[in-house]
Amino acid sequence: NSGGTRGTGQKGLPLAEMKSYIRDILDLIEYANGPVTSKWG
């Protein structure tokens, strides 16, 4: 419903950006659970 009912609708991230986006999700898990020696821990 982006932009309202007559707006742009659902849009997907460009596939070229998916590697970086998935990395963000993996970094979230490391931020929550990783050791203090890890980047996000």
PDB file of all heavy atoms in Angstrom:
ATOM      1  N   ASN A   1       0.816  -1.208   0.000  1.00  0.00           N
ATOM      2  CA  ASN A   1       0.000   0.000   0.000  1.00  0.00           C
ATOM      3  C   ASN A   1       0.853   1.262   0.000  1.00  0.00           C
ATOM      4  O   ASN A   1       0.368   2.337   0.335  1.00  0.00           O
ATOM      5  CB  ASN A   1      -0.935   0.036   1.207  1.00  0.00           C
ATOM      6  CG  ASN A   1      -2.381  -0.178   0.801  1.00  0.00           C
ATOM      7  OD1 ASN A   1      -2.672  -0.952  -0.107  1.00  0.00           O
ATOM      8  ND2 ASN A   1      -3.281   0.499   1.461  1.00  0.00           N
ATOM      9  N   SER A   2       2.123   1.136  -0.360  1.00  0.00           N
ATOM     10  CA  SER A   2       3.006   2.305  -0.383  1.00  0.00           C
ATOM     11  C   SER A   2       2.415   3.403  -1.255  1.00  0.00           C
ATOM     12  O   SER A   2       1.955   3.140  -2.372  1.00  0.00           O
ATOM     13  CB  SER A   2       4.387   1.918  -0.916  1.00  0.00           C
ATOM     14  OG  SER A   2       5.056   1.068  -0.018  1.00  0.00           O
ATOM     15  N   GLY A   3       2.403   4.597  -0.711  1.00  0.00           N
ATOM     16  CA  GLY A   3       1.852   5.720  -1.443  1.00  0.00           C
ATOM     17  C   GLY A   3       0.349   5.796  -1.401  1.00  0.00           C
ATOM     18  O   GLY A   3      -0.263   6.587  -2.120  1.00  0.00           O
ATOM     19  N   GLY A   4      -0.302   4.977  -0.547  1.00  0.00           N
ATOM     20  CA  GLY A   4      -1.760   4.947  -0.501  1.00  0.00           C
ATOM     21  C   GLY A   4      -2.299   3.899  -1.462  1.00  0.00           C
ATOM     22  O   GLY A   4      -1.568   3.232  -2.178  1.00  0.00           O
ATOM     23  N   THR A   5      -3.607   3.759  -1.491  1.00  0.00           N
ATOM     24  CA  THR A   5      -4.212   2.687  -2.279  1.00  0.00           C
ATOM     25  C   THR A   5      -3.986   2.853  -3.777  1.00  0.00           C
ATOM     26  O   THR A   5      -4.096   1.895  -4.527  1.00  0.00           O
ATOM     27  CB  THR A   5      -5.725   2.620  -2.005  1.00  0.00           C
ATOM     28  OG1 THR A   5      -6.300   3.914  -2.253  1.00  0.00           O
ATOM     29  CG2 THR A   5      -5.988   2.230  -0.571  1.00  0.00           C
ATOM     30  N   ARG A   6      -3.682   4.079  -4.224  1.00  0.00           N
ATOM     31  CA  ARG A   6      -3.403   4.301  -5.640  1.00  0.00           C
ATOM     32  C   ARG A   6      -1.953   4.729  -5.838  1.00  0.00           C
ATOM     33  O   ARG A   6      -1.619   5.416  -6.798  1.00  0.00           O
ATOM     34  CB  ARG A   6      -4.358   5.352  -6.210  1.00  0.00           C
ATOM     35  CG  ARG A   6      -5.829   4.917  -6.158  1.00  0.00           C
ATOM     36  CD  ARG A   6      -6.736   5.947  -6.806  1.00  0.00           C
ATOM     37  NE  ARG A   6      -8.134   5.533  -6.712  1.00  0.00           N
ATOM     38  CZ  ARG A   6      -9.160   6.252  -7.195  1.00  0.00           C
ATOM     39  NH1 ARG A   6      -8.920   7.408  -7.784  1.00  0.00           N
ATOM     40  NH2 ARG A   6     -10.392   5.821  -7.067  1.00  0.00           N
ATOM     41  N   GLY A   7      -1.110   4.322  -4.912  1.00  0.00           N
ATOM     42  CA  GLY A   7       0.283   4.724  -4.962  1.00  0.00           C
ATOM     43  C   GLY A   7       1.154   3.742  -5.714  1.00  0.00           C
ATOM     44  O   GLY A   7       0.712   3.046  -6.624  1.00  0.00           O
ATOM     45  N   THR A   8       2.400   3.669  -5.292  1.00  0.00           N
ATOM     46  CA  THR A   8       3.389   2.869  -6.018  1.00  0.00           C
ATOM     47  C   THR A   8       3.222   1.379  -5.804  1.00  0.00           C
ATOM     48  O   THR A   8       3.698   0.578  -6.595  1.00  0.00           O
ATOM     49  CB  THR A   8       4.803   3.279  -5.584  1.00  0.00           C
ATOM     50  OG1 THR A   8       4.917   3.103  -4.159  1.00  0.00           O
ATOM     51  CG2 THR A   8       5.071   4.740  -5.919  1.00  0.00           C
ATOM     52  N   GLY A   9       2.598   0.986  -4.683  1.00  0.00           N
ATOM     53  CA  GLY A   9       2.423  -0.431  -4.402  1.00  0.00           C
ATOM     54  C   GLY A   9       3.715  -1.075  -3.934  1.00  0.00           C
ATOM     55  O   GLY A   9       4.712  -0.422  -3.636  1.00  0.00           O
ATOM     56  N   GLN A  10       3.696  -2.404  -3.857  1.00  0.00           N
ATOM     57  CA  GLN A  10       4.866  -3.146  -3.390  1.00  0.00           C
ATOM     58  C   GLN A  10       6.012  -3.025  -4.392  1.00  0.00           C
ATOM     59  O   GLN A  10       5.827  -3.205  -5.590  1.00  0.00           O
ATOM     60  CB  GLN A  10       4.504  -4.616  -3.201  1.00  0.00           C
ATOM     61  CG  GLN A  10       5.619  -5.450  -2.605  1.00  0.00           C
ATOM     62  CD  GLN A  10       5.319  -6.937  -2.674  1.00  0.00           C
ATOM     63  OE1 GLN A  10       5.467  -7.569  -3.707  1.00  0.00           O
ATOM     64  NE2 GLN A  10       4.844  -7.495  -1.554  1.00  0.00           N
ATOM     65  N   LYS A  11       7.193  -2.730  -3.878  1.00  0.00           N
ATOM     66  CA  LYS A  11       8.407  -2.690  -4.684  1.00  0.00           C
ATOM     67  C   LYS A  11       9.469  -3.542  -4.008  1.00  0.00           C
ATOM     68  O   LYS A  11       9.575  -3.557  -2.777  1.00  0.00           O
ATOM     69  CB  LYS A  11       8.928  -1.252  -4.841  1.00  0.00           C
ATOM     70  CG  LYS A  11       7.966  -0.298  -5.544  1.00  0.00           C
ATOM     71  CD  LYS A  11       7.824  -0.634  -7.011  1.00  0.00           C
ATOM     72  CE  LYS A  11       6.930   0.374  -7.707  1.00  0.00           C
ATOM     73  NZ  LYS A  11       6.732   0.059  -9.142  1.00  0.00           N
ATOM     74  N   GLY A  12      10.256  -4.231  -4.821  1.00  0.00           N
ATOM     75  CA  GLY A  12      11.339  -5.035  -4.280  1.00  0.00           C
ATOM     76  C   GLY A  12      12.668  -4.332  -4.414  1.00  0.00           C
ATOM     77  O   GLY A  12      12.903  -3.587  -5.378  1.00  0.00           O
ATOM     78  N   LEU A  13      13.555  -4.553  -3.431  1.00  0.00           N
ATOM     79  CA  LEU A  13      14.905  -4.030  -3.571  1.00  0.00           C
ATOM     80  C   LEU A  13      15.524  -4.584  -4.849  1.00  0.00           C
ATOM     81  O   LEU A  13      15.319  -5.747  -5.199  1.00  0.00           O
ATOM     82  CB  LEU A  13      15.764  -4.443  -2.380  1.00  0.00           C
ATOM     83  CG  LEU A  13      15.647  -3.667  -1.070  1.00  0.00           C
ATOM     84  CD1 LEU A  13      16.567  -4.283  -0.025  1.00  0.00           C
ATOM     85  CD2 LEU A  13      15.982  -2.200  -1.257  1.00  0.00           C
ATOM     86  N   PRO A  14      16.291  -3.774  -5.569  1.00  0.00           N
ATOM     87  CA  PRO A  14      16.996  -4.306  -6.741  1.00  0.00           C
ATOM     88  C   PRO A  14      17.830  -5.526  -6.345  1.00  0.00           C
ATOM     89  O   PRO A  14      18.456  -5.537  -5.273  1.00  0.00           O
ATOM     90  CB  PRO A  14      17.875  -3.132  -7.177  1.00  0.00           C
ATOM     91  CG  PRO A  14      17.172  -1.920  -6.676  1.00  0.00           C
ATOM     92  CD  PRO A  14      16.541  -2.335  -5.371  1.00  0.00           C
ATOM     93  N   LEU A  15      17.834  -6.524  -7.197  1.00  0.00           N
ATOM     94  CA  LEU A  15      18.559  -7.761  -6.875  1.00  0.00           C
ATOM     95  C   LEU A  15      20.039  -7.492  -6.619  1.00  0.00           C
ATOM     96  O   LEU A  15      20.678  -8.207  -5.834  1.00  0.00           O
ATOM     97  CB  LEU A  15      18.373  -8.781  -7.987  1.00  0.00           C
ATOM     98  CG  LEU A  15      16.945  -9.331  -8.134  1.00  0.00           C
ATOM     99  CD1 LEU A  15      16.852 -10.260  -9.333  1.00  0.00           C
ATOM    100  CD2 LEU A  15      16.512 -10.055  -6.861  1.00  0.00           C
ATOM    101  N   ALA A  16      20.571  -6.459  -7.241  1.00  0.00           N
ATOM    102  CA  ALA A  16      21.979  -6.120  -7.037  1.00  0.00           C
ATOM    103  C   ALA A  16      22.257  -5.681  -5.602  1.00  0.00           C
ATOM    104  O   ALA A  16      23.412  -5.720  -5.152  1.00  0.00           O
ATOM    105  CB  ALA A  16      22.398  -5.017  -8.011  1.00  0.00           C
ATOM    106  N   GLU A  17      21.203  -5.258  -4.870  1.00  0.00           N
ATOM    107  CA  GLU A  17      21.373  -4.805  -3.486  1.00  0.00           C
ATOM    108  C   GLU A  17      21.086  -5.894  -2.463  1.00  0.00           C
ATOM    109  O   GLU A  17      21.238  -5.667  -1.254  1.00  0.00           O
ATOM    110  CB  GLU A  17      20.454  -3.608  -3.221  1.00  0.00           C
ATOM    111  CG  GLU A  17      20.763  -2.388  -4.078  1.00  0.00           C
ATOM    112  CD  GLU A  17      19.826  -1.227  -3.801  1.00  0.00           C
ATOM    113  OE1 GLU A  17      19.189  -1.224  -2.727  1.00  0.00           O
ATOM    114  OE2 GLU A  17      19.721  -0.330  -4.656  1.00  0.00           O
ATOM    115  N   MET A  18      20.670  -7.059  -2.942  1.00  0.00           N
ATOM    116  CA  MET A  18      20.257  -8.108  -2.003  1.00  0.00           C
ATOM    117  C   MET A  18      21.413  -8.648  -1.171  1.00  0.00           C
ATOM    118  O   MET A  18      21.239  -8.973   0.006  1.00  0.00           O
ATOM    119  CB  MET A  18      19.559  -9.239  -2.747  1.00  0.00           C
ATOM    120  CG  MET A  18      18.131  -8.916  -3.156  1.00  0.00           C
ATOM    121  SD  MET A  18      17.066  -8.482  -1.745  1.00  0.00           S
ATOM    122  CE  MET A  18      17.074 -10.024  -0.823  1.00  0.00           C
ATOM    123  N   LYS A  19      22.590  -8.761  -1.746  1.00  0.00           N
ATOM    124  CA  LYS A  19      23.728  -9.276  -0.982  1.00  0.00           C
ATOM    125  C   LYS A  19      23.998  -8.396   0.228  1.00  0.00           C
ATOM    126  O   LYS A  19      24.202  -8.890   1.353  1.00  0.00           O
ATOM    127  CB  LYS A  19      24.966  -9.360  -1.862  1.00  0.00           C
ATOM    128  CG  LYS A  19      26.174  -9.955  -1.151  1.00  0.00           C
ATOM    129  CD  LYS A  19      27.366 -10.094  -2.101  1.00  0.00           C
ATOM    130  CE  LYS A  19      28.567 -10.684  -1.374  1.00  0.00           C
ATOM    131  NZ  LYS A  19      29.745 -10.829  -2.287  1.00  0.00           N
ATOM    132  N   SER A  20      23.977  -7.074   0.008  1.00  0.00           N
ATOM    133  CA  SER A  20      24.208  -6.140   1.109  1.00  0.00           C
ATOM    134  C   SER A  20      23.074  -6.197   2.127  1.00  0.00           C
ATOM    135  O   SER A  20      23.318  -6.148   3.346  1.00  0.00           O
ATOM    136  CB  SER A  20      24.341  -4.720   0.554  1.00  0.00           C
ATOM    137  OG  SER A  20      24.403  -3.774   1.597  1.00  0.00           O
ATOM    138  N   TYR A  21      21.831  -6.330   1.641  1.00  0.00           N
ATOM    139  CA  TYR A  21      20.695  -6.367   2.555  1.00  0.00           C
ATOM    140  C   TYR A  21      20.731  -7.625   3.419  1.00  0.00           C
ATOM    141  O   TYR A  21      20.485  -7.564   4.637  1.00  0.00           O
ATOM    142  CB  TYR A  21      19.386  -6.303   1.775  1.00  0.00           C
ATOM    143  CG  TYR A  21      18.175  -6.219   2.678  1.00  0.00           C
ATOM    144  CD1 TYR A  21      17.875  -5.048   3.347  1.00  0.00           C
ATOM    145  CD2 TYR A  21      17.357  -7.330   2.896  1.00  0.00           C
ATOM    146  CE1 TYR A  21      16.788  -4.963   4.202  1.00  0.00           C
ATOM    147  CE2 TYR A  21      16.266  -7.256   3.745  1.00  0.00           C
ATOM    148  CZ  TYR A  21      15.990  -6.073   4.398  1.00  0.00           C
ATOM    149  OH  TYR A  21      14.922  -6.006   5.247  1.00  0.00           O
ATOM    150  N   ILE A  22      21.049  -8.757   2.811  1.00  0.00           N
ATOM    151  CA  ILE A  22      21.146 -10.004   3.579  1.00  0.00           C
ATOM    152  C   ILE A  22      22.284  -9.906   4.582  1.00  0.00           C
ATOM    153  O   ILE A  22      22.179 -10.397   5.712  1.00  0.00           O
ATOM    154  CB  ILE A  22      21.323 -11.201   2.628  1.00  0.00           C
ATOM    155  CG1 ILE A  22      20.043 -11.411   1.801  1.00  0.00           C
ATOM    156  CG2 ILE A  22      21.649 -12.469   3.407  1.00  0.00           C
ATOM    157  CD1 ILE A  22      20.182 -12.420   0.685  1.00  0.00           C
ATOM    158  N   ARG A  23      23.365  -9.242   4.193  1.00  0.00           N
ATOM    159  CA  ARG A  23      24.476  -9.036   5.118  1.00  0.00           C
ATOM    160  C   ARG A  23      24.006  -8.265   6.353  1.00  0.00           C
ATOM    161  O   ARG A  23      24.423  -8.574   7.485  1.00  0.00           O
ATOM    162  CB  ARG A  23      25.576  -8.256   4.410  1.00  0.00           C
ATOM    163  CG  ARG A  23      26.839  -7.988   5.222  1.00  0.00           C
ATOM    164  CD  ARG A  23      27.645  -9.261   5.429  1.00  0.00           C
ATOM    165  NE  ARG A  23      27.427  -9.835   6.747  1.00  0.00           N
ATOM    166  CZ  ARG A  23      27.793 -11.059   7.080  1.00  0.00           C
ATOM    167  NH1 ARG A  23      28.373 -11.842   6.181  1.00  0.00           N
ATOM    168  NH2 ARG A  23      27.578 -11.517   8.292  1.00  0.00           N
ATOM    169  N   ASP A  24      23.128  -7.293   6.160  1.00  0.00           N
ATOM    170  CA  ASP A  24      22.586  -6.533   7.295  1.00  0.00           C
ATOM    171  C   ASP A  24      21.844  -7.448   8.267  1.00  0.00           C
ATOM    172  O   ASP A  24      21.920  -7.282   9.489  1.00  0.00           O
ATOM    173  CB  ASP A  24      21.642  -5.437   6.809  1.00  0.00           C
ATOM    174  CG  ASP A  24      22.374  -4.238   6.227  1.00  0.00           C
ATOM    175  OD1 ASP A  24      23.612  -4.163   6.377  1.00  0.00           O
ATOM    176  OD2 ASP A  24      21.710  -3.385   5.618  1.00  0.00           O
ATOM    177  N   ILE A  25      21.097  -8.409   7.729  1.00  0.00           N
ATOM    178  CA  ILE A  25      20.338  -9.322   8.588  1.00  0.00           C
ATOM    179  C   ILE A  25      21.278 -10.253   9.336  1.00  0.00           C
ATOM    180  O   ILE A  25      21.096 -10.515  10.540  1.00  0.00           O
ATOM    181  CB  ILE A  25      19.317 -10.108   7.748  1.00  0.00           C
ATOM    182  CG1 ILE A  25      18.273  -9.139   7.162  1.00  0.00           C
ATOM    183  CG2 ILE A  25      18.631 -11.183   8.592  1.00  0.00           C
ATOM    184  CD1 ILE A  25      17.321  -9.783   6.183  1.00  0.00           C
ATOM    185  N   LEU A  26      22.306 -10.745   8.658  1.00  0.00           N
ATOM    186  CA  LEU A  26      23.297 -11.586   9.334  1.00  0.00           C
ATOM    187  C   LEU A  26      24.041 -10.783  10.401  1.00  0.00           C
ATOM    188  O   LEU A  26      24.350 -11.309  11.483  1.00  0.00           O
ATOM    189  CB  LEU A  26      24.281 -12.165   8.317  1.00  0.00           C
ATOM    190  CG  LEU A  26      23.677 -13.076   7.242  1.00  0.00           C
ATOM    191  CD1 LEU A  26      24.752 -13.520   6.254  1.00  0.00           C
ATOM    192  CD2 LEU A  26      22.996 -14.305   7.867  1.00  0.00           C
ATOM    193  N   ASP A  27      24.303  -9.520  10.107  1.00  0.00           N
ATOM    194  CA  ASP A  27      24.961  -8.660  11.101  1.00  0.00           C
ATOM    195  C   ASP A  27      24.066  -8.435  12.320  1.00  0.00           C
ATOM    196  O   ASP A  27      24.568  -8.300  13.445  1.00  0.00           O
ATOM    197  CB  ASP A  27      25.325  -7.317  10.480  1.00  0.00           C
ATOM    198  CG  ASP A  27      26.460  -7.416   9.471  1.00  0.00           C
ATOM    199  OD1 ASP A  27      27.161  -8.448   9.464  1.00  0.00           O
ATOM    200  OD2 ASP A  27      26.631  -6.463   8.683  1.00  0.00           O
ATOM    201  N   LEU A  28      22.750  -8.398  12.114  1.00  0.00           N
ATOM    202  CA  LEU A  28      21.829  -8.262  13.240  1.00  0.00           C
ATOM    203  C   LEU A  28      21.958  -9.451  14.187  1.00  0.00           C
ATOM    204  O   LEU A  28      21.992  -9.285  15.413  1.00  0.00           O
ATOM    205  CB  LEU A  28      20.388  -8.152  12.735  1.00  0.00           C
ATOM    206  CG  LEU A  28      19.278  -8.235  13.785  1.00  0.00           C
ATOM    207  CD1 LEU A  28      19.438  -7.150  14.840  1.00  0.00           C
ATOM    208  CD2 LEU A  28      17.906  -8.149  13.133  1.00  0.00           C
ATOM    209  N   ILE A  29      22.042 -10.630  13.621  1.00  0.00           N
ATOM    210  CA  ILE A  29      22.202 -11.827  14.459  1.00  0.00           C
ATOM    211  C   ILE A  29      23.525 -11.770  15.215  1.00  0.00           C
ATOM    212  O   ILE A  29      23.604 -12.095  16.410  1.00  0.00           O
ATOM    213  CB  ILE A  29      22.101 -13.094  13.590  1.00  0.00           C
ATOM    214  CG1 ILE A  29      20.707 -13.176  12.948  1.00  0.00           C
ATOM    215  CG2 ILE A  29      22.377 -14.350  14.421  1.00  0.00           C
ATOM    216  CD1 ILE A  29      20.565 -14.257  11.897  1.00  0.00           C
ATOM    217  N   GLU A  30      24.579 -11.314  14.543  1.00  0.00           N
ATOM    218  CA  GLU A  30      25.875 -11.174  15.212  1.00  0.00           C
ATOM    219  C   GLU A  30      25.821 -10.100  16.295  1.00  0.00           C
ATOM    220  O   GLU A  30      26.425 -10.252  17.368  1.00  0.00           O
ATOM    221  CB  GLU A  30      26.964 -10.834  14.193  1.00  0.00           C
ATOM    222  CG  GLU A  30      28.360 -10.747  14.809  1.00  0.00           C
ATOM    223  CD  GLU A  30      29.426 -10.468  13.777  1.00  0.00           C
ATOM    224  OE1 GLU A  30      29.714 -11.378  12.974  1.00  0.00           O
ATOM    225  OE2 GLU A  30      29.966  -9.344  13.762  1.00  0.00           O
ATOM    226  N   TYR A  31      25.101  -9.014  16.025  1.00  0.00           N
ATOM    227  CA  TYR A  31      24.959  -7.952  17.024  1.00  0.00           C
ATOM    228  C   TYR A  31      24.287  -8.491  18.288  1.00  0.00           C
ATOM    229  O   TYR A  31      24.686  -8.152  19.406  1.00  0.00           O
ATOM    230  CB  TYR A  31      24.134  -6.807  16.441  1.00  0.00           C
ATOM    231  CG  TYR A  31      23.947  -5.638  17.384  1.00  0.00           C
ATOM    232  CD1 TYR A  31      24.969  -4.722  17.601  1.00  0.00           C
ATOM    233  CD2 TYR A  31      22.735  -5.440  18.049  1.00  0.00           C
ATOM    234  CE1 TYR A  31      24.790  -3.638  18.458  1.00  0.00           C
ATOM    235  CE2 TYR A  31      22.559  -4.361  18.897  1.00  0.00           C
ATOM    236  CZ  TYR A  31      23.590  -3.469  19.100  1.00  0.00           C
ATOM    237  OH  TYR A  31      23.412  -2.410  19.957  1.00  0.00           O
ATOM    238  N   ALA A  32      23.287  -9.335  18.107  1.00  0.00           N
ATOM    239  CA  ALA A  32      22.564  -9.872  19.262  1.00  0.00           C
ATOM    240  C   ALA A  32      23.347 -10.971  19.975  1.00  0.00           C
ATOM    241  O   ALA A  32      23.352 -11.018  21.208  1.00  0.00           O
ATOM    242  CB  ALA A  32      21.210 -10.418  18.807  1.00  0.00           C
ATOM    243  N   ASN A  33      23.999 -11.836  19.224  1.00  0.00           N
ATOM    244  CA  ASN A  33      24.556 -13.065  19.808  1.00  0.00           C
ATOM    245  C   ASN A  33      26.062 -13.206  19.703  1.00  0.00           C
ATOM    246  O   ASN A  33      26.652 -14.083  20.333  1.00  0.00           O
ATOM    247  CB  ASN A  33      23.928 -14.288  19.135  1.00  0.00           C
ATOM    248  CG  ASN A  33      22.457 -14.471  19.472  1.00  0.00           C
ATOM    249  OD1 ASN A  33      21.924 -13.787  20.340  1.00  0.00           O
ATOM    250  ND2 ASN A  33      21.793 -15.377  18.791  1.00  0.00           N
ATOM    251  N   GLY A  34      26.717 -12.383  18.886  1.00  0.00           N
ATOM    252  CA  GLY A  34      28.135 -12.589  18.619  1.00  0.00           C
ATOM    253  C   GLY A  34      29.024 -12.284  19.808  1.00  0.00           C
ATOM    254  O   GLY A  34      28.672 -11.504  20.701  1.00  0.00           O
ATOM    255  N   PRO A  35      30.217 -12.878  19.828  1.00  0.00           N
ATOM    256  CA  PRO A  35      31.179 -12.585  20.907  1.00  0.00           C
ATOM    257  C   PRO A  35      31.684 -11.153  20.790  1.00  0.00           C
ATOM    258  O   PRO A  35      31.584 -10.515  19.737  1.00  0.00           O
ATOM    259  CB  PRO A  35      32.305 -13.601  20.644  1.00  0.00           C
ATOM    260  CG  PRO A  35      32.232 -13.883  19.174  1.00  0.00           C
ATOM    261  CD  PRO A  35      30.768 -13.822  18.824  1.00  0.00           C
ATOM    262  N   VAL A  36      32.247 -10.654  21.873  1.00  0.00           N
ATOM    263  CA  VAL A  36      32.739  -9.274  21.871  1.00  0.00           C
ATOM    264  C   VAL A  36      33.916  -9.099  20.924  1.00  0.00           C
ATOM    265  O   VAL A  36      34.281  -7.968  20.580  1.00  0.00           O
ATOM    266  CB  VAL A  36      33.135  -8.830  23.292  1.00  0.00           C
ATOM    267  CG1 VAL A  36      31.921  -8.812  24.196  1.00  0.00           C
ATOM    268  CG2 VAL A  36      34.223  -9.725  23.861  1.00  0.00           C
ATOM    269  N   THR A  37      34.493 -10.205  20.477  1.00  0.00           N
ATOM    270  CA  THR A  37      35.608 -10.138  19.532  1.00  0.00           C
ATOM    271  C   THR A  37      35.131  -9.975  18.091  1.00  0.00           C
ATOM    272  O   THR A  37      35.941  -9.715  17.197  1.00  0.00           O
ATOM    273  CB  THR A  37      36.466 -11.401  19.643  1.00  0.00           C
ATOM    274  OG1 THR A  37      35.625 -12.556  19.506  1.00  0.00           O
ATOM    275  CG2 THR A  37      37.170 -11.452  20.990  1.00  0.00           C
ATOM    276  N   SER A  38      33.816 -10.161  17.854  1.00  0.00           N
ATOM    277  CA  SER A  38      33.267  -9.981  16.510  1.00  0.00           C
ATOM    278  C   SER A  38      32.971  -8.502  16.270  1.00  0.00           C
ATOM    279  O   SER A  38      32.849  -7.716  17.216  1.00  0.00           O
ATOM    280  CB  SER A  38      31.999 -10.810  16.328  1.00  0.00           C
ATOM    281  OG  SER A  38      30.957 -10.339  17.167  1.00  0.00           O
ATOM    282  N   LYS A  39      32.840  -8.105  15.009  1.00  0.00           N
ATOM    283  CA  LYS A  39      32.612  -6.698  14.672  1.00  0.00           C
ATOM    284  C   LYS A  39      31.350  -6.164  15.327  1.00  0.00           C
ATOM    285  O   LYS A  39      31.366  -5.115  15.991  1.00  0.00           O
ATOM    286  CB  LYS A  39      32.525  -6.534  13.155  1.00  0.00           C
ATOM    287  CG  LYS A  39      32.204  -5.110  12.719  1.00  0.00           C
ATOM    288  CD  LYS A  39      32.099  -4.996  11.197  1.00  0.00           C
ATOM    289  CE  LYS A  39      31.701  -3.584  10.779  1.00  0.00           C
ATOM    290  NZ  LYS A  39      31.602  -3.453   9.297  1.00  0.00           N
ATOM    291  N   TRP A  40      30.237  -6.875  15.170  1.00  0.00           N
ATOM    292  CA  TRP A  40      28.965  -6.363  15.668  1.00  0.00           C
ATOM    293  C   TRP A  40      28.744  -6.711  17.127  1.00  0.00           C
ATOM    294  O   TRP A  40      28.065  -5.978  17.849  1.00  0.00           O
ATOM    295  CB  TRP A  40      27.822  -6.840  14.775  1.00  0.00           C
ATOM    296  CG  TRP A  40      27.925  -6.172  13.442  1.00  0.00           C
ATOM    297  CD1 TRP A  40      28.525  -6.642  12.311  1.00  0.00           C
ATOM    298  CD2 TRP A  40      27.502  -4.840  13.134  1.00  0.00           C
ATOM    299  NE1 TRP A  40      28.487  -5.697  11.309  1.00  0.00           N
ATOM    300  CE2 TRP A  40      27.861  -4.583  11.778  1.00  0.00           C
ATOM    301  CE3 TRP A  40      26.848  -3.840  13.838  1.00  0.00           C
ATOM    302  CZ2 TRP A  40      27.584  -3.378  11.147  1.00  0.00           C
ATOM    303  CZ3 TRP A  40      26.570  -2.638  13.214  1.00  0.00           C
ATOM    304  CH2 TRP A  40      26.936  -2.416  11.882  1.00  0.00           C
ATOM    305  N   GLY A  41      29.340  -7.795  17.591  1.00  0.00           N
ATOM    306  CA  GLY A  41      29.314  -8.078  19.025  1.00  0.00           C
ATOM    307  C   GLY A  41      30.077  -7.017  19.807  1.00  0.00           C
ATOM    308  O   GLY A  41      29.697  -6.646  20.920  1.00  0.00           O
TER     309      GLY A  41
END
